[in-house]
Each structure stands twice: as C-alpha cells, then as structure tokens.
N, C-alpha and C. Protein backbone atom coordinates (compact mmCIF):
# COMPACT_ATOMS: atom_id res chain seq x y z
N MET A 1 0.82 -1.20 0.00
CA MET A 1 0.00 0.00 0.00
C MET A 1 0.86 1.26 0.00
N LYS A 2 2.17 1.10 -0.03
CA LYS A 2 3.03 2.28 -0.08
C LYS A 2 2.82 2.97 -1.41
N PRO A 3 2.88 4.25 -1.52
CA PRO A 3 3.16 5.26 -0.50
C PRO A 3 1.90 5.84 0.15
N ARG A 4 0.76 5.14 0.09
CA ARG A 4 -0.50 5.68 0.60
C ARG A 4 -0.67 5.55 2.11
N VAL A 5 0.18 4.77 2.76
CA VAL A 5 0.03 4.56 4.21
C VAL A 5 1.18 5.21 4.96
N SER A 6 0.87 5.64 6.18
CA SER A 6 1.92 6.24 7.01
C SER A 6 1.54 6.11 8.48
N LEU A 7 2.56 6.15 9.31
CA LEU A 7 2.42 6.27 10.75
C LEU A 7 2.95 7.64 11.14
N GLN A 8 2.34 8.25 12.11
CA GLN A 8 2.81 9.56 12.58
C GLN A 8 3.92 9.32 13.59
N ASP A 9 5.18 9.44 13.15
CA ASP A 9 6.33 9.16 14.01
C ASP A 9 6.31 9.97 15.30
N SER A 10 5.91 11.24 15.21
CA SER A 10 5.90 12.09 16.41
C SER A 10 4.84 11.61 17.41
N ALA A 11 3.77 10.97 16.94
CA ALA A 11 2.71 10.50 17.83
C ALA A 11 3.07 9.18 18.50
N LEU A 12 4.01 8.43 17.93
CA LEU A 12 4.38 7.13 18.49
C LEU A 12 4.87 7.26 19.94
N ARG A 13 5.61 8.30 20.24
CA ARG A 13 6.13 8.51 21.59
C ARG A 13 5.02 8.72 22.61
N ASN A 14 3.86 9.21 22.14
CA ASN A 14 2.72 9.45 23.03
C ASN A 14 1.75 8.28 23.06
N GLY A 15 2.13 7.16 22.43
CA GLY A 15 1.27 5.98 22.46
C GLY A 15 0.22 5.93 21.36
N ASN A 16 0.32 6.82 20.37
CA ASN A 16 -0.63 6.84 19.26
C ASN A 16 -0.02 6.07 18.09
N PHE A 17 -0.58 4.91 17.79
CA PHE A 17 -0.06 4.05 16.73
C PHE A 17 -1.02 4.02 15.55
N SER A 18 -1.68 5.12 15.29
CA SER A 18 -2.68 5.19 14.22
C SER A 18 -2.04 5.01 12.85
N LEU A 19 -2.76 4.32 11.99
CA LEU A 19 -2.36 4.12 10.60
C LEU A 19 -3.18 5.07 9.75
N ARG A 20 -2.51 5.80 8.88
CA ARG A 20 -3.20 6.73 7.98
C ARG A 20 -3.12 6.18 6.56
N ILE A 21 -4.28 6.12 5.87
CA ILE A 21 -4.36 5.68 4.48
C ILE A 21 -4.92 6.84 3.68
N ASP A 22 -4.17 7.32 2.71
CA ASP A 22 -4.61 8.47 1.92
C ASP A 22 -4.04 8.36 0.50
N PRO A 23 -4.87 8.19 -0.50
CA PRO A 23 -6.34 8.09 -0.45
C PRO A 23 -6.78 6.65 -0.23
N VAL A 24 -7.96 6.49 0.37
CA VAL A 24 -8.55 5.17 0.59
C VAL A 24 -9.14 4.69 -0.73
N ARG A 25 -8.95 3.41 -1.03
CA ARG A 25 -9.52 2.77 -2.22
C ARG A 25 -10.49 1.69 -1.79
N SER A 26 -11.39 1.32 -2.68
CA SER A 26 -12.39 0.31 -2.33
C SER A 26 -11.74 -1.01 -1.93
N GLU A 27 -10.61 -1.36 -2.52
CA GLU A 27 -9.95 -2.62 -2.18
C GLU A 27 -9.27 -2.58 -0.81
N ASP A 28 -9.23 -1.42 -0.14
CA ASP A 28 -8.66 -1.31 1.20
C ASP A 28 -9.62 -1.79 2.28
N ALA A 29 -10.88 -2.03 1.94
CA ALA A 29 -11.86 -2.50 2.91
C ALA A 29 -11.43 -3.83 3.49
N GLY A 30 -11.69 -4.00 4.78
CA GLY A 30 -11.36 -5.28 5.42
C GLY A 30 -10.90 -5.10 6.85
N LEU A 31 -10.41 -6.19 7.43
CA LEU A 31 -9.97 -6.21 8.82
C LEU A 31 -8.47 -5.90 8.90
N TYR A 32 -8.13 -4.97 9.78
CA TYR A 32 -6.73 -4.60 10.02
C TYR A 32 -6.37 -4.99 11.45
N GLU A 33 -5.12 -5.42 11.63
CA GLU A 33 -4.64 -5.81 12.94
C GLU A 33 -3.32 -5.11 13.21
N ALA A 34 -3.21 -4.56 14.40
CA ALA A 34 -1.96 -3.91 14.82
C ALA A 34 -1.39 -4.65 16.01
N TRP A 35 -0.07 -4.82 16.01
CA TRP A 35 0.65 -5.42 17.13
C TRP A 35 1.66 -4.39 17.63
N VAL A 36 1.59 -4.12 18.90
CA VAL A 36 2.53 -3.17 19.50
C VAL A 36 3.25 -3.87 20.64
N LYS A 37 4.57 -3.88 20.56
CA LYS A 37 5.36 -4.49 21.64
C LYS A 37 5.98 -3.37 22.45
N TYR A 38 5.71 -3.41 23.75
CA TYR A 38 6.27 -2.41 24.67
C TYR A 38 6.90 -3.18 25.82
N ASN A 39 8.21 -3.05 25.97
CA ASN A 39 8.98 -3.87 26.91
C ASN A 39 8.72 -5.33 26.59
N SER A 40 8.14 -6.08 27.51
CA SER A 40 7.88 -7.49 27.25
C SER A 40 6.41 -7.76 26.93
N GLU A 41 5.60 -6.71 26.91
CA GLU A 41 4.16 -6.87 26.66
C GLU A 41 3.84 -6.64 25.17
N VAL A 42 2.90 -7.44 24.67
CA VAL A 42 2.42 -7.28 23.30
C VAL A 42 0.93 -6.94 23.35
N HIS A 43 0.57 -5.83 22.74
CA HIS A 43 -0.83 -5.40 22.67
C HIS A 43 -1.30 -5.51 21.23
N THR A 44 -2.55 -5.94 21.06
CA THR A 44 -3.11 -6.04 19.70
C THR A 44 -4.39 -5.24 19.61
N CYS A 45 -4.68 -4.84 18.40
CA CYS A 45 -5.89 -4.06 18.12
C CYS A 45 -6.43 -4.51 16.77
N HIS A 46 -7.75 -4.70 16.68
CA HIS A 46 -8.39 -5.06 15.42
C HIS A 46 -9.36 -3.95 15.04
N VAL A 47 -9.27 -3.52 13.80
CA VAL A 47 -10.16 -2.47 13.28
C VAL A 47 -10.65 -2.90 11.91
N GLU A 48 -11.96 -2.80 11.70
CA GLU A 48 -12.50 -3.10 10.38
C GLU A 48 -12.73 -1.79 9.63
N LEU A 49 -12.19 -1.72 8.44
CA LEU A 49 -12.36 -0.53 7.60
C LEU A 49 -13.45 -0.81 6.57
N GLY A 50 -14.49 -0.03 6.61
CA GLY A 50 -15.53 -0.08 5.59
C GLY A 50 -15.32 1.07 4.63
N VAL A 51 -15.63 0.84 3.37
CA VAL A 51 -15.38 1.86 2.35
C VAL A 51 -16.67 2.12 1.57
N ILE A 52 -16.98 3.38 1.39
CA ILE A 52 -18.10 3.80 0.55
C ILE A 52 -17.51 4.40 -0.72
N THR A 53 -18.03 3.97 -1.86
CA THR A 53 -17.57 4.47 -3.14
C THR A 53 -18.68 5.28 -3.80
N VAL A 54 -18.39 6.53 -4.12
CA VAL A 54 -19.33 7.38 -4.84
C VAL A 54 -18.82 7.48 -6.28
N THR A 55 -19.69 7.15 -7.22
CA THR A 55 -19.30 7.16 -8.63
C THR A 55 -20.17 8.16 -9.38
N LEU A 56 -19.52 8.98 -10.20
CA LEU A 56 -20.22 9.94 -11.03
C LEU A 56 -19.99 9.57 -12.49
N SER A 57 -21.04 9.65 -13.27
CA SER A 57 -20.92 9.42 -14.70
C SER A 57 -21.67 10.53 -15.42
N PRO A 58 -20.98 11.41 -16.14
CA PRO A 58 -19.54 11.47 -16.37
C PRO A 58 -18.80 11.88 -15.09
N PRO A 59 -17.47 11.69 -15.04
CA PRO A 59 -16.70 12.02 -13.84
C PRO A 59 -16.73 13.51 -13.52
N ASN A 60 -16.42 13.82 -12.26
CA ASN A 60 -16.34 15.20 -11.77
C ASN A 60 -15.17 15.91 -12.45
N PRO A 61 -15.26 17.16 -12.90
CA PRO A 61 -16.43 18.01 -12.90
C PRO A 61 -17.38 17.67 -14.05
N VAL A 62 -18.66 17.95 -13.83
CA VAL A 62 -19.71 17.63 -14.78
C VAL A 62 -20.01 18.86 -15.61
N VAL A 63 -20.22 18.66 -16.91
CA VAL A 63 -20.60 19.76 -17.79
C VAL A 63 -22.10 19.96 -17.66
N GLY A 64 -22.51 21.19 -17.44
CA GLY A 64 -23.93 21.50 -17.29
C GLY A 64 -24.75 21.05 -18.49
N ASN A 65 -25.99 20.66 -18.23
CA ASN A 65 -26.97 20.21 -19.22
C ASN A 65 -26.69 18.83 -19.80
N GLU A 66 -25.70 18.08 -19.29
CA GLU A 66 -25.49 16.70 -19.70
C GLU A 66 -26.04 15.78 -18.62
N LEU A 67 -26.61 14.64 -19.02
CA LEU A 67 -27.16 13.68 -18.07
C LEU A 67 -26.11 13.29 -17.04
N LEU A 68 -26.48 13.33 -15.76
CA LEU A 68 -25.59 12.99 -14.66
C LEU A 68 -26.16 11.80 -13.90
N LEU A 69 -25.35 10.78 -13.70
CA LEU A 69 -25.72 9.63 -12.87
C LEU A 69 -24.79 9.57 -11.68
N MET A 70 -25.35 9.48 -10.46
CA MET A 70 -24.56 9.36 -9.24
C MET A 70 -24.94 8.05 -8.57
N SER A 71 -23.94 7.25 -8.22
CA SER A 71 -24.23 6.00 -7.50
C SER A 71 -23.35 5.92 -6.27
N CYS A 72 -23.82 5.16 -5.30
CA CYS A 72 -23.15 5.06 -4.02
C CYS A 72 -23.18 3.58 -3.61
N ASN A 73 -22.00 3.02 -3.33
CA ASN A 73 -21.90 1.62 -2.93
C ASN A 73 -21.00 1.51 -1.70
N SER A 74 -21.23 0.46 -0.92
CA SER A 74 -20.46 0.28 0.30
C SER A 74 -20.01 -1.16 0.43
N SER A 75 -18.96 -1.37 1.23
CA SER A 75 -18.46 -2.71 1.50
C SER A 75 -19.25 -3.38 2.63
N TYR A 76 -20.25 -2.69 3.19
CA TYR A 76 -21.04 -3.25 4.29
C TYR A 76 -21.77 -4.50 3.82
N ARG A 77 -21.87 -5.52 4.69
CA ARG A 77 -22.32 -6.84 4.26
C ARG A 77 -23.83 -7.08 4.31
N ALA A 78 -24.60 -6.28 5.02
CA ALA A 78 -26.05 -6.51 5.12
C ALA A 78 -26.74 -6.10 3.83
N SER A 79 -28.03 -6.41 3.72
CA SER A 79 -28.81 -6.08 2.52
C SER A 79 -29.17 -4.60 2.53
N LEU A 80 -28.94 -3.96 1.41
CA LEU A 80 -29.26 -2.54 1.26
C LEU A 80 -30.77 -2.38 1.13
N VAL A 81 -31.34 -1.45 1.88
CA VAL A 81 -32.78 -1.19 1.87
C VAL A 81 -33.11 0.08 1.11
N GLU A 82 -32.30 1.14 1.32
CA GLU A 82 -32.64 2.44 0.75
C GLU A 82 -31.39 3.30 0.61
N ILE A 83 -31.38 4.12 -0.44
CA ILE A 83 -30.34 5.13 -0.63
C ILE A 83 -31.02 6.49 -0.65
N CYS A 84 -30.55 7.41 0.19
CA CYS A 84 -31.07 8.78 0.18
C CYS A 84 -29.94 9.73 -0.18
N TRP A 85 -30.28 10.73 -0.97
CA TRP A 85 -29.31 11.74 -1.41
C TRP A 85 -29.74 13.09 -0.86
N PHE A 86 -28.79 13.81 -0.27
CA PHE A 86 -29.06 15.13 0.29
C PHE A 86 -28.14 16.14 -0.38
N HIS A 87 -28.71 17.25 -0.79
CA HIS A 87 -27.92 18.30 -1.45
C HIS A 87 -27.76 19.47 -0.49
N ASN A 88 -26.53 19.84 -0.21
CA ASN A 88 -26.19 20.94 0.69
C ASN A 88 -26.83 20.79 2.07
N GLY A 89 -26.97 19.54 2.53
CA GLY A 89 -27.45 19.26 3.88
C GLY A 89 -28.93 19.46 4.11
N HIS A 90 -29.70 19.68 3.07
CA HIS A 90 -31.13 19.96 3.24
C HIS A 90 -31.96 18.69 3.29
N LEU A 91 -33.00 18.73 4.08
CA LEU A 91 -33.96 17.64 4.17
C LEU A 91 -35.31 18.14 3.66
N GLY A 92 -36.13 17.25 3.16
CA GLY A 92 -37.48 17.62 2.73
C GLY A 92 -37.63 17.60 1.23
N THR A 93 -38.87 17.55 0.76
CA THR A 93 -39.14 17.37 -0.67
C THR A 93 -38.82 18.60 -1.51
N ASN A 94 -38.84 19.78 -0.94
CA ASN A 94 -38.59 20.98 -1.73
C ASN A 94 -37.12 21.36 -1.76
N SER A 95 -36.26 20.58 -1.13
CA SER A 95 -34.87 21.00 -1.01
C SER A 95 -33.90 19.98 -1.59
N ARG A 96 -34.31 19.28 -2.62
CA ARG A 96 -33.42 18.38 -3.36
C ARG A 96 -32.95 17.19 -2.53
N THR A 97 -33.89 16.47 -1.93
CA THR A 97 -33.60 15.21 -1.26
C THR A 97 -34.23 14.11 -2.08
N PHE A 98 -33.46 13.05 -2.37
CA PHE A 98 -33.94 11.98 -3.21
C PHE A 98 -33.70 10.66 -2.49
N CYS A 99 -34.71 9.81 -2.43
CA CYS A 99 -34.54 8.48 -1.87
C CYS A 99 -34.96 7.47 -2.93
N SER A 100 -34.16 6.41 -3.05
CA SER A 100 -34.47 5.42 -4.07
C SER A 100 -33.87 4.08 -3.69
N PHE A 101 -34.34 3.05 -4.36
CA PHE A 101 -33.73 1.73 -4.27
C PHE A 101 -34.20 0.94 -5.46
N PRO A 102 -33.39 0.20 -6.11
CA PRO A 102 -31.93 0.32 -6.09
C PRO A 102 -31.50 1.31 -7.14
N GLY A 103 -30.24 1.43 -7.38
CA GLY A 103 -29.75 2.19 -8.51
C GLY A 103 -29.23 3.55 -8.19
N ALA A 104 -28.95 4.27 -9.26
CA ALA A 104 -28.29 5.56 -9.17
C ALA A 104 -29.32 6.69 -9.19
N LEU A 105 -28.88 7.84 -8.73
CA LEU A 105 -29.65 9.06 -8.85
C LEU A 105 -29.29 9.68 -10.19
N SER A 106 -30.29 10.05 -10.95
CA SER A 106 -30.01 10.71 -12.23
C SER A 106 -30.57 12.12 -12.19
N ILE A 107 -29.78 13.05 -12.70
CA ILE A 107 -30.21 14.43 -12.87
C ILE A 107 -30.14 14.69 -14.36
N LEU A 108 -31.31 14.94 -14.96
CA LEU A 108 -31.42 15.02 -16.41
C LEU A 108 -30.61 16.18 -16.99
N ARG A 109 -30.74 17.36 -16.43
CA ARG A 109 -30.02 18.53 -16.91
C ARG A 109 -29.41 19.26 -15.72
N PRO A 110 -28.24 18.80 -15.25
CA PRO A 110 -27.64 19.45 -14.08
C PRO A 110 -27.32 20.92 -14.37
N ALA A 111 -27.61 21.75 -13.39
CA ALA A 111 -27.37 23.19 -13.49
C ALA A 111 -26.36 23.60 -12.44
N MET A 112 -25.92 24.82 -12.50
CA MET A 112 -24.97 25.34 -11.52
C MET A 112 -25.52 25.21 -10.10
N SER A 113 -26.84 25.27 -9.93
CA SER A 113 -27.45 25.13 -8.61
C SER A 113 -27.30 23.72 -8.05
N ASP A 114 -26.97 22.74 -8.89
CA ASP A 114 -26.76 21.37 -8.43
C ASP A 114 -25.35 21.15 -7.88
N ALA A 115 -24.47 22.10 -8.08
CA ALA A 115 -23.10 22.00 -7.56
C ALA A 115 -23.13 22.09 -6.04
N GLY A 116 -22.09 21.58 -5.41
CA GLY A 116 -21.96 21.70 -3.97
C GLY A 116 -21.90 20.36 -3.29
N SER A 117 -22.21 20.36 -2.02
CA SER A 117 -22.07 19.19 -1.17
C SER A 117 -23.25 18.23 -1.37
N TRP A 118 -22.93 16.98 -1.71
CA TRP A 118 -23.92 15.92 -1.83
C TRP A 118 -23.56 14.82 -0.83
N CYS A 119 -24.57 14.28 -0.19
CA CYS A 119 -24.38 13.19 0.76
C CYS A 119 -25.25 12.02 0.33
N CYS A 120 -24.65 10.85 0.20
CA CYS A 120 -25.45 9.64 -0.02
C CYS A 120 -25.51 8.90 1.30
N GLN A 121 -26.72 8.55 1.69
CA GLN A 121 -26.96 7.86 2.95
C GLN A 121 -27.53 6.48 2.64
N LEU A 122 -26.86 5.44 3.12
CA LEU A 122 -27.26 4.07 2.84
C LEU A 122 -27.88 3.46 4.11
N ARG A 123 -29.09 2.90 3.96
CA ARG A 123 -29.75 2.23 5.09
C ARG A 123 -29.86 0.74 4.78
N TYR A 124 -29.46 -0.08 5.75
CA TYR A 124 -29.39 -1.52 5.56
C TYR A 124 -30.46 -2.25 6.37
N SER A 125 -30.66 -3.53 6.05
CA SER A 125 -31.71 -4.34 6.67
C SER A 125 -31.53 -4.48 8.18
N ASP A 126 -30.32 -4.35 8.70
CA ASP A 126 -30.09 -4.42 10.15
C ASP A 126 -30.15 -3.04 10.81
N ASN A 127 -30.72 -2.05 10.08
CA ASN A 127 -30.90 -0.66 10.53
C ASN A 127 -29.60 0.11 10.66
N GLU A 128 -28.50 -0.41 10.16
CA GLU A 128 -27.25 0.35 10.11
C GLU A 128 -27.39 1.43 9.04
N VAL A 129 -26.95 2.64 9.35
CA VAL A 129 -26.99 3.76 8.41
C VAL A 129 -25.59 4.31 8.29
N ILE A 130 -25.09 4.36 7.06
CA ILE A 130 -23.76 4.92 6.82
C ILE A 130 -23.88 5.94 5.68
N SER A 131 -22.95 6.88 5.64
CA SER A 131 -23.06 7.92 4.63
C SER A 131 -21.69 8.39 4.18
N ALA A 132 -21.68 9.04 3.02
CA ALA A 132 -20.47 9.66 2.48
C ALA A 132 -20.86 10.99 1.86
N THR A 133 -19.98 11.96 1.99
CA THR A 133 -20.22 13.29 1.44
C THR A 133 -19.16 13.59 0.40
N PHE A 134 -19.56 14.19 -0.70
CA PHE A 134 -18.60 14.58 -1.73
C PHE A 134 -19.04 15.91 -2.33
N ASN A 135 -18.09 16.58 -2.99
CA ASN A 135 -18.35 17.89 -3.56
C ASN A 135 -18.51 17.76 -5.08
N LEU A 136 -19.69 18.09 -5.56
CA LEU A 136 -19.98 18.01 -6.99
C LEU A 136 -19.64 19.35 -7.64
N GLN A 137 -18.85 19.28 -8.71
CA GLN A 137 -18.49 20.49 -9.46
C GLN A 137 -19.21 20.45 -10.80
N ILE A 138 -19.82 21.57 -11.16
CA ILE A 138 -20.52 21.70 -12.43
C ILE A 138 -19.81 22.78 -13.25
N LEU A 139 -19.46 22.44 -14.49
CA LEU A 139 -18.90 23.43 -15.40
C LEU A 139 -20.03 23.98 -16.25
N GLY A 140 -20.19 25.28 -16.22
CA GLY A 140 -21.27 25.89 -16.99
C GLY A 140 -21.33 27.37 -16.71
N PHE A 141 -22.40 27.95 -17.14
CA PHE A 141 -22.60 29.39 -16.97
C PHE A 141 -23.74 29.62 -16.00
N ASP A 142 -23.57 30.59 -15.13
CA ASP A 142 -24.59 30.93 -14.15
C ASP A 142 -24.93 32.41 -14.32
N GLY A 143 -25.25 32.76 -15.52
CA GLY A 143 -25.53 34.16 -15.82
C GLY A 143 -26.97 34.38 -16.20
N PRO A 144 -27.22 35.50 -16.84
CA PRO A 144 -28.60 35.82 -17.22
C PRO A 144 -29.09 34.87 -18.33
N THR A 145 -30.41 34.67 -18.37
CA THR A 145 -30.97 33.80 -19.40
C THR A 145 -30.87 34.46 -20.77
N ASN A 146 -30.83 35.78 -20.80
CA ASN A 146 -30.65 36.51 -22.05
C ASN A 146 -29.15 36.67 -22.28
N PRO A 147 -28.60 36.15 -23.39
CA PRO A 147 -27.15 36.19 -23.57
C PRO A 147 -26.60 37.55 -23.98
N VAL A 148 -27.42 38.56 -24.10
CA VAL A 148 -26.94 39.89 -24.49
C VAL A 148 -26.70 40.71 -23.23
N VAL A 149 -25.47 41.23 -23.08
CA VAL A 149 -25.12 42.06 -21.94
C VAL A 149 -24.65 43.40 -22.48
N TYR A 150 -25.16 44.50 -21.91
CA TYR A 150 -24.75 45.83 -22.33
C TYR A 150 -23.84 46.44 -21.29
N ALA A 151 -22.82 47.12 -21.74
CA ALA A 151 -21.91 47.82 -20.84
C ALA A 151 -21.56 49.16 -21.46
N ALA A 152 -21.36 50.14 -20.61
CA ALA A 152 -20.99 51.45 -21.07
C ALA A 152 -19.56 51.44 -21.58
N ALA A 153 -19.29 52.15 -22.64
CA ALA A 153 -17.93 52.24 -23.17
C ALA A 153 -17.01 52.79 -22.09
N GLY A 154 -15.87 52.15 -21.90
CA GLY A 154 -14.91 52.59 -20.89
C GLY A 154 -15.10 51.90 -19.56
N SER A 155 -16.19 51.11 -19.38
CA SER A 155 -16.40 50.41 -18.10
C SER A 155 -16.06 48.92 -18.30
N ALA A 156 -16.11 48.18 -17.23
CA ALA A 156 -15.84 46.74 -17.28
C ALA A 156 -17.12 45.98 -17.51
N ALA A 157 -17.04 44.90 -18.26
CA ALA A 157 -18.20 44.01 -18.48
C ALA A 157 -17.87 42.64 -17.90
N HIS A 158 -18.83 42.06 -17.21
CA HIS A 158 -18.65 40.72 -16.59
C HIS A 158 -19.70 39.80 -17.13
C-alpha cells in the first residue's frame, strides 16, 4: 500500500499508533490488525475498515446540461434497503432530497445550482446507516438567461 500509508512518528512517543491511508480505495476495505510491543508486553488491536464508493458518470467536474448519474456503494455486508441523497445538507421534498432503491440518482439537466455538497446515505436491513459526502463540481454558466449584456464604453463588463 506504499506510498498511501503512514504512521505519525511524532505521535508514536505518546502511544498513538494510528495508521493513515490516503487516499482510501475500495480494495482497502477489510480487517486490520496492529501489534505493538512495549517492553515485554504485546498489545493487539483489530479495526475493520468499511469503504463507501461514490461514482459519477460522467466524472467530476460535470458539464452543465449533460445527463448525470450518481451512484453510491459500500463494503457493508447486510442487505441494502434504501439510498437517500441530500444536497447541501437539506432535508425535505422541496430542497433536493432523493430516496431510491436500487440504482443511481439521475439528474437530467444538471445546473450550476446542483453543484456543492452531496451526501449519499445508505440504510441496511439491520438498521445500520452509513453515509459519504462529496463535492460536486458543475462546469457551466450561471448568468442571465438573455445572452446579451450591455456595458458602457470605458467600463468593465462581466
């Protein structure tokens, strides 16, 4: 996994043996075990890493007015019941929250207003809820609907 993994050498003296993985990949999911020997004692720790993968088609950044498909998958083992999508942290029907099962969220004509923070929330049959947040970038224009702009001679036009 080199060079994606590291230990914080300065933290080792304080008893922090954390492993850092950057960036995490879907194949990194699984059980991790750490062994720490201090004097004659051996301490062990087991940690399971679950990974959520958010896929955009086409990839980020998205060109405005092209069909956008967003999917969210996890390494969690229970049966998936529902996927909910939240835009900019809003809840409710008027604020761009989508719940579906199964499949991806599709936005027919993404606009500049669709850019920003998106969260996919996965709910499983054992009532476990996990989520991932990502930043959606939209390439496009966020100007007036009329493409004609007038500016006084000698001034700046935007």
